[in-house]
């Protein structure tokens, strides 16, 4: 694990990359990393996240800057810019039920081939998906969601990269830390190794590649 500046994340990214960003309506989102990405020339990204937040906050700033080509999310209702770009054909949006989204990310992190869920059976959601019947119950096979880079946010880290989250800011961050090739964590505080009790650690440092201070 190495400590870097937020602007250095650009060194790991290319146009068209698949990117995961933690947070829920901006809560638990790495704002410094988002700002660095907004200031860069990187574009045409595929975004995997819970939502597109608000135009002036979190992931919403990436939408306003037109950095995202496709968004795989469960919610866009709080960001009119997302809806505007989608209607104008500037942004492709794939809406995924929130539980299914979380499980598809978790499946990638755990090395699973997919998940079976009854959510969406009999609706437009099942279009193009494999349906599997078990004990007279139909399920959709939903494939894992994996990214090249995950940008996550935590309250604090030690110098091994072990992470502690703050309350609901945990949200999607721990599962995204397991589902990307490169994981960059923005933290409010870096503390000495040994000062975090083992049962406080939610994401172990072995999953973290780089740390950025907020």
N, C-alpha and C. Protein backbone atom coordinates (compact mmCIF):
# COMPACT_ATOMS: atom_id res chain seq x y z
N UNK A 1 0.84 -1.19 0.00
CA UNK A 1 0.00 0.00 0.00
C UNK A 1 0.88 1.24 0.00
N UNK A 2 0.54 2.21 -0.84
CA UNK A 2 1.34 3.42 -0.99
C UNK A 2 0.44 4.64 -0.85
N UNK A 3 0.96 5.69 -0.20
CA UNK A 3 0.20 6.94 -0.07
C UNK A 3 0.52 7.84 -1.26
N UNK A 4 -0.53 8.32 -1.95
CA UNK A 4 -0.35 9.17 -3.12
C UNK A 4 -1.21 10.42 -3.00
N UNK A 5 -1.00 11.37 -3.90
CA UNK A 5 -1.86 12.55 -3.99
C UNK A 5 -3.06 12.22 -4.88
N UNK A 6 -4.15 12.93 -4.64
CA UNK A 6 -5.37 12.64 -5.41
C UNK A 6 -5.14 12.80 -6.92
N UNK A 7 -4.32 13.77 -7.30
CA UNK A 7 -4.09 14.02 -8.73
C UNK A 7 -3.38 12.85 -9.41
N UNK A 8 -2.72 12.00 -8.63
CA UNK A 8 -1.97 10.87 -9.21
C UNK A 8 -2.87 9.74 -9.69
N UNK A 9 -4.15 9.76 -9.35
CA UNK A 9 -5.00 8.66 -9.81
C UNK A 9 -5.08 8.62 -11.33
N UNK A 10 -4.83 9.76 -11.96
CA UNK A 10 -4.88 9.81 -13.41
C UNK A 10 -3.84 8.89 -14.03
N UNK A 11 -2.74 8.65 -13.30
CA UNK A 11 -1.68 7.78 -13.81
C UNK A 11 -2.16 6.36 -14.03
N UNK A 12 -3.24 5.98 -13.36
CA UNK A 12 -3.73 4.61 -13.44
C UNK A 12 -4.91 4.46 -14.38
N UNK A 13 -5.34 5.56 -15.00
CA UNK A 13 -6.59 5.53 -15.75
C UNK A 13 -6.39 5.88 -17.22
N UNK A 14 -7.30 5.33 -18.04
CA UNK A 14 -7.33 5.63 -19.47
C UNK A 14 -8.76 5.90 -19.88
N UNK A 15 -8.92 6.57 -21.00
CA UNK A 15 -10.26 6.78 -21.54
C UNK A 15 -10.95 5.43 -21.76
N UNK A 16 -12.21 5.35 -21.37
CA UNK A 16 -12.98 4.13 -21.60
C UNK A 16 -12.88 3.10 -20.48
N UNK A 17 -12.17 3.41 -19.41
CA UNK A 17 -12.05 2.45 -18.30
C UNK A 17 -13.40 2.20 -17.62
N UNK A 18 -13.46 1.05 -16.94
CA UNK A 18 -14.62 0.75 -16.08
C UNK A 18 -14.25 1.13 -14.66
N UNK A 19 -15.07 1.97 -14.06
CA UNK A 19 -14.78 2.60 -12.77
C UNK A 19 -15.89 2.32 -11.78
N UNK A 20 -15.53 1.93 -10.56
CA UNK A 20 -16.50 1.85 -9.47
C UNK A 20 -16.25 3.00 -8.49
N UNK A 21 -17.33 3.58 -7.99
CA UNK A 21 -17.20 4.65 -7.00
C UNK A 21 -18.17 4.38 -5.86
N UNK A 22 -17.65 4.35 -4.64
CA UNK A 22 -18.50 4.11 -3.48
C UNK A 22 -19.35 5.31 -3.12
N UNK A 23 -20.32 5.08 -2.24
CA UNK A 23 -21.16 6.17 -1.77
C UNK A 23 -22.63 5.92 -2.03
N UNK A 24 -23.45 6.68 -1.33
CA UNK A 24 -24.89 6.59 -1.44
C UNK A 24 -25.41 8.02 -1.39
N UNK A 25 -25.82 8.55 -2.54
CA UNK A 25 -26.22 9.95 -2.67
C UNK A 25 -25.13 10.88 -2.14
N UNK A 26 -23.91 10.53 -2.39
CA UNK A 26 -22.78 11.36 -1.99
C UNK A 26 -22.19 11.01 -0.64
N UNK A 27 -22.94 10.33 0.20
CA UNK A 27 -22.42 9.94 1.52
C UNK A 27 -21.47 8.76 1.34
N UNK A 28 -20.22 8.94 1.83
CA UNK A 28 -19.24 7.88 1.66
C UNK A 28 -18.60 7.87 0.29
N UNK A 29 -18.66 8.99 -0.42
CA UNK A 29 -18.04 9.12 -1.74
C UNK A 29 -16.71 9.86 -1.61
N UNK A 30 -15.67 9.43 -2.32
CA UNK A 30 -14.36 10.09 -2.23
C UNK A 30 -14.32 11.38 -3.04
N UNK A 31 -14.67 12.48 -2.42
CA UNK A 31 -14.84 13.75 -3.14
C UNK A 31 -13.53 14.27 -3.74
N UNK A 32 -12.42 14.11 -3.03
CA UNK A 32 -11.14 14.61 -3.57
C UNK A 32 -10.75 13.86 -4.84
N UNK A 33 -10.99 12.57 -4.85
CA UNK A 33 -10.67 11.77 -6.04
C UNK A 33 -11.60 12.13 -7.19
N UNK A 34 -12.87 12.37 -6.88
CA UNK A 34 -13.82 12.81 -7.91
C UNK A 34 -13.36 14.13 -8.52
N UNK A 35 -12.95 15.07 -7.66
CA UNK A 35 -12.50 16.38 -8.16
C UNK A 35 -11.28 16.24 -9.06
N UNK A 36 -10.35 15.35 -8.67
CA UNK A 36 -9.15 15.14 -9.50
C UNK A 36 -9.52 14.58 -10.86
N UNK A 37 -10.48 13.69 -10.88
CA UNK A 37 -10.93 13.11 -12.14
C UNK A 37 -11.64 14.15 -13.00
N UNK A 38 -12.42 15.01 -12.35
CA UNK A 38 -13.11 16.08 -13.09
C UNK A 38 -12.12 17.04 -13.74
N UNK A 39 -10.98 17.25 -13.08
CA UNK A 39 -9.98 18.19 -13.60
C UNK A 39 -9.09 17.57 -14.68
N UNK A 40 -9.25 16.30 -14.95
CA UNK A 40 -8.39 15.59 -15.89
C UNK A 40 -9.02 15.57 -17.29
N UNK A 41 -8.28 14.95 -18.23
CA UNK A 41 -8.79 14.78 -19.59
C UNK A 41 -9.45 13.42 -19.78
N UNK A 42 -9.49 12.61 -18.71
CA UNK A 42 -10.08 11.28 -18.80
C UNK A 42 -11.58 11.39 -19.10
N UNK A 43 -12.08 10.52 -20.02
CA UNK A 43 -13.50 10.58 -20.39
C UNK A 43 -13.95 9.20 -20.87
N UNK A 44 -15.20 9.13 -21.28
CA UNK A 44 -15.80 7.91 -21.83
C UNK A 44 -15.75 6.74 -20.85
N UNK A 45 -15.91 7.03 -19.58
CA UNK A 45 -15.84 6.00 -18.55
C UNK A 45 -17.16 5.26 -18.42
N UNK A 46 -17.08 3.99 -18.05
CA UNK A 46 -18.26 3.26 -17.61
C UNK A 46 -18.26 3.27 -16.09
N UNK A 47 -19.31 3.80 -15.51
CA UNK A 47 -19.40 3.98 -14.07
C UNK A 47 -20.29 2.91 -13.45
N UNK A 48 -19.81 2.27 -12.40
CA UNK A 48 -20.63 1.37 -11.59
C UNK A 48 -20.75 2.00 -10.20
N UNK A 49 -21.96 2.35 -9.81
CA UNK A 49 -22.17 3.02 -8.53
C UNK A 49 -23.63 2.85 -8.12
N UNK A 50 -23.94 3.16 -6.88
CA UNK A 50 -25.33 3.05 -6.47
C UNK A 50 -26.22 4.06 -7.16
N UNK A 51 -25.68 5.31 -7.35
CA UNK A 51 -26.51 6.39 -7.88
C UNK A 51 -25.60 7.45 -8.48
N UNK A 52 -26.20 8.48 -9.08
CA UNK A 52 -25.41 9.59 -9.61
C UNK A 52 -25.54 10.84 -8.75
N UNK A 53 -25.95 10.65 -7.49
CA UNK A 53 -25.96 11.72 -6.49
C UNK A 53 -26.68 12.98 -6.97
N UNK A 54 -26.05 14.12 -6.75
CA UNK A 54 -26.62 15.41 -7.12
C UNK A 54 -25.64 16.14 -8.06
N UNK A 55 -26.13 17.08 -8.87
CA UNK A 55 -25.22 17.72 -9.84
C UNK A 55 -23.99 18.36 -9.20
N UNK A 56 -24.14 18.87 -7.98
CA UNK A 56 -23.03 19.58 -7.35
C UNK A 56 -22.30 18.73 -6.32
N UNK A 57 -22.62 17.45 -6.25
CA UNK A 57 -22.02 16.63 -5.19
C UNK A 57 -21.65 15.24 -5.71
N UNK A 58 -20.51 14.77 -5.22
CA UNK A 58 -20.10 13.39 -5.48
C UNK A 58 -20.06 13.04 -6.96
N UNK A 59 -20.58 11.87 -7.28
CA UNK A 59 -20.54 11.36 -8.65
C UNK A 59 -21.25 12.31 -9.62
N UNK A 60 -22.18 13.07 -9.12
CA UNK A 60 -22.91 14.02 -9.97
C UNK A 60 -21.99 14.96 -10.72
N UNK A 61 -20.86 15.30 -10.10
CA UNK A 61 -19.91 16.21 -10.76
C UNK A 61 -19.28 15.55 -12.00
N UNK A 62 -19.10 14.23 -11.93
CA UNK A 62 -18.58 13.51 -13.11
C UNK A 62 -19.60 13.53 -14.24
N UNK A 63 -20.87 13.46 -13.89
CA UNK A 63 -21.94 13.52 -14.91
C UNK A 63 -21.95 14.90 -15.56
N UNK A 64 -21.91 15.95 -14.74
CA UNK A 64 -21.94 17.31 -15.27
C UNK A 64 -20.77 17.56 -16.21
N UNK A 65 -19.61 17.01 -15.85
CA UNK A 65 -18.41 17.19 -16.67
C UNK A 65 -18.39 16.26 -17.90
N UNK A 66 -19.43 15.43 -18.03
CA UNK A 66 -19.55 14.50 -19.16
C UNK A 66 -18.35 13.55 -19.25
N UNK A 67 -17.93 13.05 -18.10
CA UNK A 67 -16.86 12.06 -18.05
C UNK A 67 -17.39 10.64 -18.23
N UNK A 68 -18.69 10.46 -18.09
CA UNK A 68 -19.27 9.13 -18.06
C UNK A 68 -19.99 8.84 -19.38
N UNK A 69 -19.65 7.70 -19.99
CA UNK A 69 -20.32 7.27 -21.21
C UNK A 69 -21.50 6.37 -20.88
N UNK A 70 -21.31 5.53 -19.85
CA UNK A 70 -22.37 4.61 -19.43
C UNK A 70 -22.38 4.53 -17.91
N UNK A 71 -23.57 4.58 -17.32
CA UNK A 71 -23.71 4.47 -15.87
C UNK A 71 -24.56 3.25 -15.52
N UNK A 72 -24.01 2.37 -14.72
CA UNK A 72 -24.75 1.20 -14.21
C UNK A 72 -25.06 1.49 -12.76
N UNK A 73 -26.31 1.86 -12.49
CA UNK A 73 -26.69 2.39 -11.18
C UNK A 73 -28.10 1.93 -10.82
N UNK A 74 -28.48 2.16 -9.56
CA UNK A 74 -29.83 1.79 -9.14
C UNK A 74 -30.75 3.00 -9.06
N UNK A 75 -30.18 4.22 -9.18
CA UNK A 75 -30.99 5.41 -8.92
C UNK A 75 -30.41 6.63 -9.60
N UNK A 76 -31.25 7.40 -10.33
CA UNK A 76 -30.78 8.64 -10.96
C UNK A 76 -31.72 9.80 -10.64
N UNK A 77 -32.69 9.56 -9.76
CA UNK A 77 -33.78 10.52 -9.56
C UNK A 77 -33.39 11.83 -8.93
N UNK A 78 -32.21 11.90 -8.30
CA UNK A 78 -31.82 13.16 -7.64
C UNK A 78 -30.87 13.99 -8.50
N UNK A 79 -30.61 13.52 -9.70
CA UNK A 79 -29.69 14.26 -10.56
C UNK A 79 -30.33 14.53 -11.92
N UNK A 80 -30.94 15.69 -12.10
CA UNK A 80 -31.60 16.00 -13.38
C UNK A 80 -30.64 16.03 -14.55
N UNK A 81 -29.37 16.30 -14.29
CA UNK A 81 -28.38 16.31 -15.37
C UNK A 81 -28.22 14.91 -15.96
N UNK A 82 -28.28 13.88 -15.11
CA UNK A 82 -28.21 12.51 -15.60
C UNK A 82 -29.37 12.23 -16.54
N UNK A 83 -30.56 12.63 -16.12
CA UNK A 83 -31.76 12.39 -16.93
C UNK A 83 -31.68 13.16 -18.24
N UNK A 84 -31.20 14.39 -18.17
CA UNK A 84 -31.08 15.24 -19.37
C UNK A 84 -30.13 14.60 -20.40
N UNK A 85 -28.96 14.18 -19.91
CA UNK A 85 -27.99 13.58 -20.83
C UNK A 85 -28.49 12.25 -21.40
N UNK A 86 -29.23 11.51 -20.59
CA UNK A 86 -29.78 10.23 -21.06
C UNK A 86 -30.80 10.47 -22.18
N UNK A 87 -31.67 11.44 -21.99
CA UNK A 87 -32.70 11.75 -22.99
C UNK A 87 -32.06 12.27 -24.28
N UNK A 88 -30.97 13.03 -24.12
CA UNK A 88 -30.29 13.60 -25.30
C UNK A 88 -29.38 12.59 -25.99
N UNK A 89 -29.26 11.39 -25.41
CA UNK A 89 -28.42 10.36 -26.03
C UNK A 89 -26.95 10.52 -25.75
N UNK A 90 -26.60 11.36 -24.79
CA UNK A 90 -25.19 11.57 -24.44
C UNK A 90 -24.69 10.56 -23.41
N UNK A 91 -25.61 9.93 -22.71
CA UNK A 91 -25.24 9.04 -21.61
C UNK A 91 -26.16 7.82 -21.63
N UNK A 92 -25.55 6.64 -21.63
CA UNK A 92 -26.33 5.40 -21.52
C UNK A 92 -26.49 5.06 -20.04
N UNK A 93 -27.70 4.76 -19.64
CA UNK A 93 -27.97 4.40 -18.24
C UNK A 93 -28.56 3.00 -18.17
N UNK A 94 -27.92 2.14 -17.40
CA UNK A 94 -28.46 0.81 -17.11
C UNK A 94 -28.91 0.79 -15.66
N UNK A 95 -30.22 0.76 -15.45
CA UNK A 95 -30.76 0.74 -14.09
C UNK A 95 -30.84 -0.70 -13.59
N UNK A 96 -30.31 -0.92 -12.40
CA UNK A 96 -30.28 -2.24 -11.79
C UNK A 96 -30.91 -2.13 -10.40
N UNK A 97 -31.84 -3.03 -10.05
CA UNK A 97 -32.39 -2.99 -8.69
C UNK A 97 -31.26 -2.97 -7.65
N UNK A 98 -31.43 -2.18 -6.60
CA UNK A 98 -30.31 -1.92 -5.69
C UNK A 98 -29.71 -3.19 -5.06
N UNK A 99 -30.56 -4.09 -4.63
CA UNK A 99 -30.05 -5.33 -4.05
C UNK A 99 -29.29 -6.17 -5.05
N UNK A 100 -29.82 -6.21 -6.28
CA UNK A 100 -29.15 -6.96 -7.34
C UNK A 100 -27.81 -6.33 -7.67
N UNK A 101 -27.76 -5.00 -7.69
CA UNK A 101 -26.51 -4.29 -7.96
C UNK A 101 -25.45 -4.67 -6.92
N UNK A 102 -25.83 -4.60 -5.65
CA UNK A 102 -24.88 -4.92 -4.58
C UNK A 102 -24.40 -6.37 -4.70
N UNK A 103 -25.31 -7.28 -5.00
CA UNK A 103 -24.94 -8.69 -5.09
C UNK A 103 -24.07 -8.98 -6.31
N UNK A 104 -24.30 -8.26 -7.41
CA UNK A 104 -23.45 -8.46 -8.60
C UNK A 104 -22.03 -8.00 -8.33
N UNK A 105 -21.89 -6.90 -7.60
CA UNK A 105 -20.54 -6.43 -7.22
C UNK A 105 -19.90 -7.42 -6.26
N UNK A 106 -20.67 -7.88 -5.28
CA UNK A 106 -20.15 -8.84 -4.31
C UNK A 106 -19.72 -10.14 -5.02
N UNK A 107 -20.51 -10.56 -6.02
CA UNK A 107 -20.18 -11.78 -6.75
C UNK A 107 -18.81 -11.67 -7.43
N UNK A 108 -18.54 -10.49 -8.00
CA UNK A 108 -17.23 -10.29 -8.63
C UNK A 108 -16.11 -10.39 -7.59
N UNK A 109 -16.35 -9.79 -6.43
CA UNK A 109 -15.34 -9.81 -5.38
C UNK A 109 -15.08 -11.19 -4.82
N UNK A 110 -16.11 -12.02 -4.81
CA UNK A 110 -15.99 -13.37 -4.25
C UNK A 110 -15.65 -14.41 -5.32
N UNK A 111 -15.50 -13.98 -6.56
CA UNK A 111 -15.13 -14.90 -7.61
C UNK A 111 -16.26 -15.80 -8.06
N UNK A 112 -17.49 -15.37 -7.89
CA UNK A 112 -18.64 -16.17 -8.31
C UNK A 112 -18.97 -15.92 -9.77
N UNK A 113 -19.64 -16.90 -10.39
CA UNK A 113 -20.02 -16.77 -11.79
C UNK A 113 -21.26 -15.95 -12.01
N UNK A 114 -21.94 -15.57 -10.94
CA UNK A 114 -23.16 -14.78 -11.02
C UNK A 114 -24.04 -15.06 -9.82
N UNK A 115 -25.21 -14.45 -9.81
CA UNK A 115 -26.17 -14.70 -8.73
C UNK A 115 -27.53 -15.03 -9.34
N UNK A 116 -28.37 -15.70 -8.60
CA UNK A 116 -29.74 -15.98 -9.01
C UNK A 116 -30.67 -15.15 -8.15
N UNK A 117 -31.57 -14.42 -8.81
CA UNK A 117 -32.51 -13.58 -8.07
C UNK A 117 -33.89 -13.64 -8.73
N UNK A 118 -34.96 -13.65 -7.94
CA UNK A 118 -36.29 -13.59 -8.53
C UNK A 118 -36.70 -12.17 -8.92
N UNK A 119 -35.90 -11.18 -8.49
CA UNK A 119 -36.23 -9.78 -8.79
C UNK A 119 -36.15 -9.52 -10.29
N UNK A 120 -37.25 -9.08 -10.87
CA UNK A 120 -37.29 -8.76 -12.29
C UNK A 120 -37.91 -9.83 -13.15
N UNK A 121 -38.15 -11.03 -12.57
CA UNK A 121 -38.80 -12.09 -13.36
C UNK A 121 -40.20 -11.63 -13.77
N UNK A 122 -40.52 -11.81 -15.04
CA UNK A 122 -41.83 -11.41 -15.54
C UNK A 122 -41.93 -9.94 -15.90
N UNK A 123 -40.79 -9.23 -15.84
CA UNK A 123 -40.79 -7.81 -16.19
C UNK A 123 -39.80 -7.57 -17.32
N UNK A 124 -39.67 -6.32 -17.73
CA UNK A 124 -38.73 -5.97 -18.79
C UNK A 124 -37.29 -6.26 -18.38
N UNK A 125 -37.05 -6.36 -17.07
CA UNK A 125 -35.69 -6.61 -16.58
C UNK A 125 -35.15 -7.95 -17.07
N UNK A 126 -36.04 -8.93 -17.32
CA UNK A 126 -35.57 -10.27 -17.70
C UNK A 126 -35.13 -10.35 -19.17
N UNK A 127 -35.38 -9.29 -19.95
CA UNK A 127 -35.05 -9.31 -21.37
C UNK A 127 -33.55 -9.57 -21.58
N UNK A 128 -33.24 -10.59 -22.37
CA UNK A 128 -31.86 -10.91 -22.70
C UNK A 128 -31.10 -11.66 -21.64
N UNK A 129 -31.76 -12.04 -20.55
CA UNK A 129 -31.08 -12.73 -19.45
C UNK A 129 -31.52 -14.18 -19.37
N UNK A 130 -30.61 -15.00 -18.88
CA UNK A 130 -30.91 -16.42 -18.72
C UNK A 130 -31.83 -16.62 -17.51
N UNK A 131 -32.89 -17.40 -17.73
CA UNK A 131 -33.82 -17.71 -16.64
C UNK A 131 -33.59 -19.16 -16.21
N UNK A 132 -33.40 -19.36 -14.93
CA UNK A 132 -33.15 -20.69 -14.38
C UNK A 132 -34.25 -21.03 -13.39
N UNK A 133 -34.82 -22.24 -13.54
CA UNK A 133 -35.92 -22.65 -12.65
C UNK A 133 -35.41 -23.67 -11.64
N UNK A 134 -35.64 -23.40 -10.36
CA UNK A 134 -35.24 -24.29 -9.27
C UNK A 134 -36.44 -24.49 -8.36
N UNK A 135 -36.84 -25.74 -8.15
CA UNK A 135 -37.99 -26.05 -7.29
C UNK A 135 -39.22 -25.23 -7.68
N UNK A 136 -39.47 -25.16 -9.00
CA UNK A 136 -40.64 -24.46 -9.54
C UNK A 136 -40.60 -22.95 -9.33
N UNK A 137 -39.44 -22.41 -8.98
CA UNK A 137 -39.27 -20.96 -8.82
C UNK A 137 -38.31 -20.46 -9.90
N UNK A 138 -38.72 -19.41 -10.62
CA UNK A 138 -37.87 -18.86 -11.67
C UNK A 138 -36.94 -17.79 -11.10
N UNK A 139 -35.69 -17.84 -11.58
CA UNK A 139 -34.69 -16.86 -11.16
C UNK A 139 -34.00 -16.29 -12.40
N UNK A 140 -33.53 -15.06 -12.30
CA UNK A 140 -32.68 -14.48 -13.34
C UNK A 140 -31.22 -14.70 -12.95
N UNK A 141 -30.42 -15.08 -13.93
CA UNK A 141 -28.98 -15.15 -13.71
C UNK A 141 -28.41 -13.76 -13.97
N UNK A 142 -27.91 -13.15 -12.93
CA UNK A 142 -27.29 -11.82 -13.04
C UNK A 142 -25.78 -11.97 -12.93
N UNK A 143 -25.07 -11.44 -13.91
CA UNK A 143 -23.62 -11.63 -13.99
C UNK A 143 -22.86 -10.66 -13.08
N UNK A 144 -21.65 -11.03 -12.68
CA UNK A 144 -20.85 -10.18 -11.78
C UNK A 144 -20.49 -8.84 -12.43
N UNK A 145 -20.30 -7.84 -11.61
CA UNK A 145 -19.84 -6.52 -12.06
C UNK A 145 -18.45 -6.28 -11.50
N UNK A 146 -17.48 -6.15 -12.38
CA UNK A 146 -16.09 -5.96 -11.99
C UNK A 146 -15.56 -4.69 -12.65
N UNK A 147 -14.62 -4.02 -12.01
CA UNK A 147 -14.06 -2.78 -12.55
C UNK A 147 -12.54 -2.85 -12.62
N UNK A 148 -11.98 -1.98 -13.43
CA UNK A 148 -10.52 -1.83 -13.42
C UNK A 148 -10.08 -1.08 -12.16
N UNK A 149 -10.83 -0.03 -11.82
CA UNK A 149 -10.46 0.81 -10.68
C UNK A 149 -11.66 1.05 -9.78
N UNK A 150 -11.45 0.95 -8.47
CA UNK A 150 -12.48 1.34 -7.50
C UNK A 150 -11.97 2.52 -6.69
N UNK A 151 -12.78 3.56 -6.62
CA UNK A 151 -12.48 4.73 -5.78
C UNK A 151 -13.41 4.66 -4.59
N UNK A 152 -12.86 4.48 -3.40
CA UNK A 152 -13.70 4.31 -2.22
C UNK A 152 -13.32 5.34 -1.16
N UNK A 153 -14.15 5.43 -0.13
CA UNK A 153 -13.93 6.42 0.94
C UNK A 153 -14.06 5.72 2.29
N UNK A 154 -13.11 6.06 3.19
CA UNK A 154 -13.16 5.53 4.55
C UNK A 154 -12.84 6.65 5.54
N UNK A 155 -13.18 6.41 6.79
CA UNK A 155 -12.91 7.42 7.83
C UNK A 155 -11.42 7.47 8.12
N UNK A 156 -10.80 6.31 8.31
CA UNK A 156 -9.36 6.30 8.59
C UNK A 156 -8.72 5.00 8.12
N UNK A 157 -7.39 5.10 7.97
CA UNK A 157 -6.60 3.93 7.57
C UNK A 157 -5.34 3.91 8.40
N UNK A 158 -4.76 2.72 8.57
CA UNK A 158 -3.40 2.69 9.10
C UNK A 158 -2.43 2.55 7.92
N UNK A 159 -1.13 2.45 8.22
CA UNK A 159 -0.15 2.46 7.16
C UNK A 159 -0.06 1.13 6.41
N UNK A 160 -0.83 0.16 6.84
CA UNK A 160 -0.99 -1.07 6.06
C UNK A 160 -2.20 -0.98 5.13
N UNK A 161 -2.99 0.07 5.27
CA UNK A 161 -4.17 0.22 4.43
C UNK A 161 -5.44 -0.38 5.01
N UNK A 162 -5.39 -0.86 6.25
CA UNK A 162 -6.61 -1.35 6.90
C UNK A 162 -7.59 -0.19 7.08
N UNK A 163 -8.85 -0.41 6.74
CA UNK A 163 -9.82 0.69 6.70
C UNK A 163 -10.91 0.58 7.75
N UNK A 164 -11.28 1.75 8.29
CA UNK A 164 -12.43 1.88 9.19
C UNK A 164 -13.39 2.88 8.55
N UNK A 165 -14.67 2.54 8.51
CA UNK A 165 -15.67 3.42 7.91
C UNK A 165 -16.50 4.11 9.00
N UNK A 166 -17.20 5.15 8.61
CA UNK A 166 -18.04 5.89 9.54
C UNK A 166 -19.51 5.60 9.27
N UNK A 167 -20.15 4.88 10.17
CA UNK A 167 -21.59 4.66 10.13
C UNK A 167 -22.07 4.25 8.72
N UNK A 168 -23.10 4.95 8.21
CA UNK A 168 -23.67 4.54 6.91
C UNK A 168 -22.76 4.87 5.73
N UNK A 169 -21.68 5.61 5.97
CA UNK A 169 -20.72 5.89 4.89
C UNK A 169 -20.05 4.60 4.43
N UNK A 170 -20.25 3.53 5.17
CA UNK A 170 -19.69 2.23 4.75
C UNK A 170 -20.34 1.80 3.44
N UNK A 171 -21.63 1.88 3.34
CA UNK A 171 -22.47 1.48 2.20
C UNK A 171 -21.77 0.57 1.18
N UNK A 172 -21.52 1.05 -0.03
CA UNK A 172 -20.99 0.19 -1.08
C UNK A 172 -19.46 0.05 -1.04
N UNK A 173 -18.79 0.81 -0.21
CA UNK A 173 -17.33 0.84 -0.24
C UNK A 173 -16.67 -0.52 0.01
N UNK A 174 -17.05 -1.28 1.04
CA UNK A 174 -16.34 -2.56 1.29
C UNK A 174 -16.46 -3.56 0.15
N UNK A 175 -17.64 -3.67 -0.47
CA UNK A 175 -17.77 -4.67 -1.54
C UNK A 175 -17.03 -4.22 -2.80
N UNK A 176 -16.97 -2.90 -3.04
CA UNK A 176 -16.23 -2.42 -4.22
C UNK A 176 -14.73 -2.62 -4.05
N UNK A 177 -14.26 -2.60 -2.81
CA UNK A 177 -12.83 -2.82 -2.55
C UNK A 177 -12.40 -4.22 -2.97
N UNK A 178 -13.37 -5.12 -3.12
CA UNK A 178 -13.06 -6.51 -3.49
C UNK A 178 -13.28 -6.79 -4.97
N UNK A 179 -13.83 -5.84 -5.69
CA UNK A 179 -14.29 -6.13 -7.05
C UNK A 179 -13.58 -5.33 -8.12
N UNK A 180 -12.37 -4.84 -7.83
CA UNK A 180 -11.63 -4.06 -8.83
C UNK A 180 -10.16 -4.46 -8.82
N UNK A 181 -9.51 -4.27 -9.98
CA UNK A 181 -8.09 -4.60 -10.08
C UNK A 181 -7.23 -3.65 -9.26
N UNK A 182 -7.59 -2.37 -9.27
CA UNK A 182 -6.84 -1.35 -8.52
C UNK A 182 -7.82 -0.65 -7.58
N UNK A 183 -7.48 -0.59 -6.30
CA UNK A 183 -8.36 0.04 -5.31
C UNK A 183 -7.64 1.22 -4.68
N UNK A 184 -8.25 2.40 -4.80
CA UNK A 184 -7.70 3.63 -4.23
C UNK A 184 -8.68 4.14 -3.18
N UNK A 185 -8.20 4.26 -1.95
CA UNK A 185 -9.06 4.67 -0.85
C UNK A 185 -8.71 6.09 -0.40
N UNK A 186 -9.72 6.94 -0.38
CA UNK A 186 -9.55 8.29 0.18
C UNK A 186 -9.96 8.22 1.65
N UNK A 187 -9.09 8.71 2.54
CA UNK A 187 -9.36 8.62 3.98
C UNK A 187 -9.17 9.99 4.63
N UNK A 188 -9.88 10.18 5.73
CA UNK A 188 -9.76 11.44 6.46
C UNK A 188 -8.52 11.46 7.34
N UNK A 189 -8.04 10.29 7.74
CA UNK A 189 -6.95 10.22 8.71
C UNK A 189 -6.14 8.95 8.48
N UNK A 190 -4.81 9.06 8.63
CA UNK A 190 -3.95 7.88 8.58
C UNK A 190 -3.29 7.75 9.95
N UNK A 191 -3.42 6.60 10.56
CA UNK A 191 -2.95 6.38 11.93
C UNK A 191 -1.88 5.28 11.93
N UNK A 192 -1.08 5.21 12.99
CA UNK A 192 -0.04 4.17 13.05
C UNK A 192 -0.62 2.76 13.06
N UNK A 193 0.15 1.84 12.51
CA UNK A 193 -0.24 0.42 12.55
C UNK A 193 -0.34 -0.03 14.00
N UNK A 194 -1.41 -0.72 14.31
CA UNK A 194 -1.63 -1.21 15.66
C UNK A 194 -2.59 -0.35 16.47
N UNK A 195 -2.90 0.86 15.97
CA UNK A 195 -3.79 1.74 16.73
C UNK A 195 -5.26 1.50 16.39
N UNK A 196 -5.54 0.67 15.39
CA UNK A 196 -6.92 0.29 15.08
C UNK A 196 -7.17 -1.12 15.62
N UNK A 197 -8.18 -1.26 16.44
CA UNK A 197 -8.50 -2.58 16.99
C UNK A 197 -8.92 -3.51 15.85
N UNK A 198 -8.50 -4.77 15.88
CA UNK A 198 -8.82 -5.68 14.78
C UNK A 198 -10.31 -5.76 14.45
N UNK A 199 -11.17 -5.70 15.46
CA UNK A 199 -12.60 -5.82 15.16
C UNK A 199 -13.21 -4.54 14.61
N UNK A 200 -12.43 -3.44 14.55
CA UNK A 200 -12.89 -2.21 13.90
C UNK A 200 -12.64 -2.24 12.40
N UNK A 201 -11.69 -3.07 11.97
CA UNK A 201 -11.30 -3.08 10.56
C UNK A 201 -12.37 -3.79 9.73
N UNK A 202 -12.91 -3.07 8.75
CA UNK A 202 -13.92 -3.64 7.86
C UNK A 202 -13.28 -4.12 6.56
N UNK A 203 -12.38 -3.31 6.00
CA UNK A 203 -11.66 -3.71 4.79
C UNK A 203 -10.18 -3.90 5.14
N UNK A 204 -9.65 -5.10 4.98
CA UNK A 204 -8.24 -5.32 5.31
C UNK A 204 -7.31 -4.69 4.27
N UNK A 205 -6.15 -4.29 4.72
CA UNK A 205 -5.21 -3.58 3.87
C UNK A 205 -4.74 -4.36 2.66
N UNK A 206 -4.83 -5.67 2.69
CA UNK A 206 -4.39 -6.47 1.55
C UNK A 206 -5.20 -6.14 0.29
N UNK A 207 -6.39 -5.56 0.46
CA UNK A 207 -7.24 -5.23 -0.69
C UNK A 207 -6.96 -3.83 -1.24
N UNK A 208 -6.18 -3.03 -0.52
CA UNK A 208 -5.99 -1.63 -0.89
C UNK A 208 -4.63 -1.42 -1.55
N UNK A 209 -4.64 -0.74 -2.69
CA UNK A 209 -3.39 -0.48 -3.41
C UNK A 209 -2.81 0.88 -3.08
N UNK A 210 -3.67 1.89 -2.94
CA UNK A 210 -3.20 3.25 -2.70
C UNK A 210 -4.14 3.97 -1.73
N UNK A 211 -3.54 4.87 -0.92
CA UNK A 211 -4.31 5.69 0.01
C UNK A 211 -4.12 7.16 -0.37
N UNK A 212 -5.20 7.92 -0.31
CA UNK A 212 -5.17 9.37 -0.55
C UNK A 212 -5.81 10.05 0.66
N UNK A 213 -5.16 11.09 1.19
CA UNK A 213 -5.77 11.87 2.27
C UNK A 213 -6.80 12.83 1.70
N UNK A 214 -7.92 12.97 2.40
CA UNK A 214 -8.96 13.92 1.95
C UNK A 214 -8.42 15.34 1.96
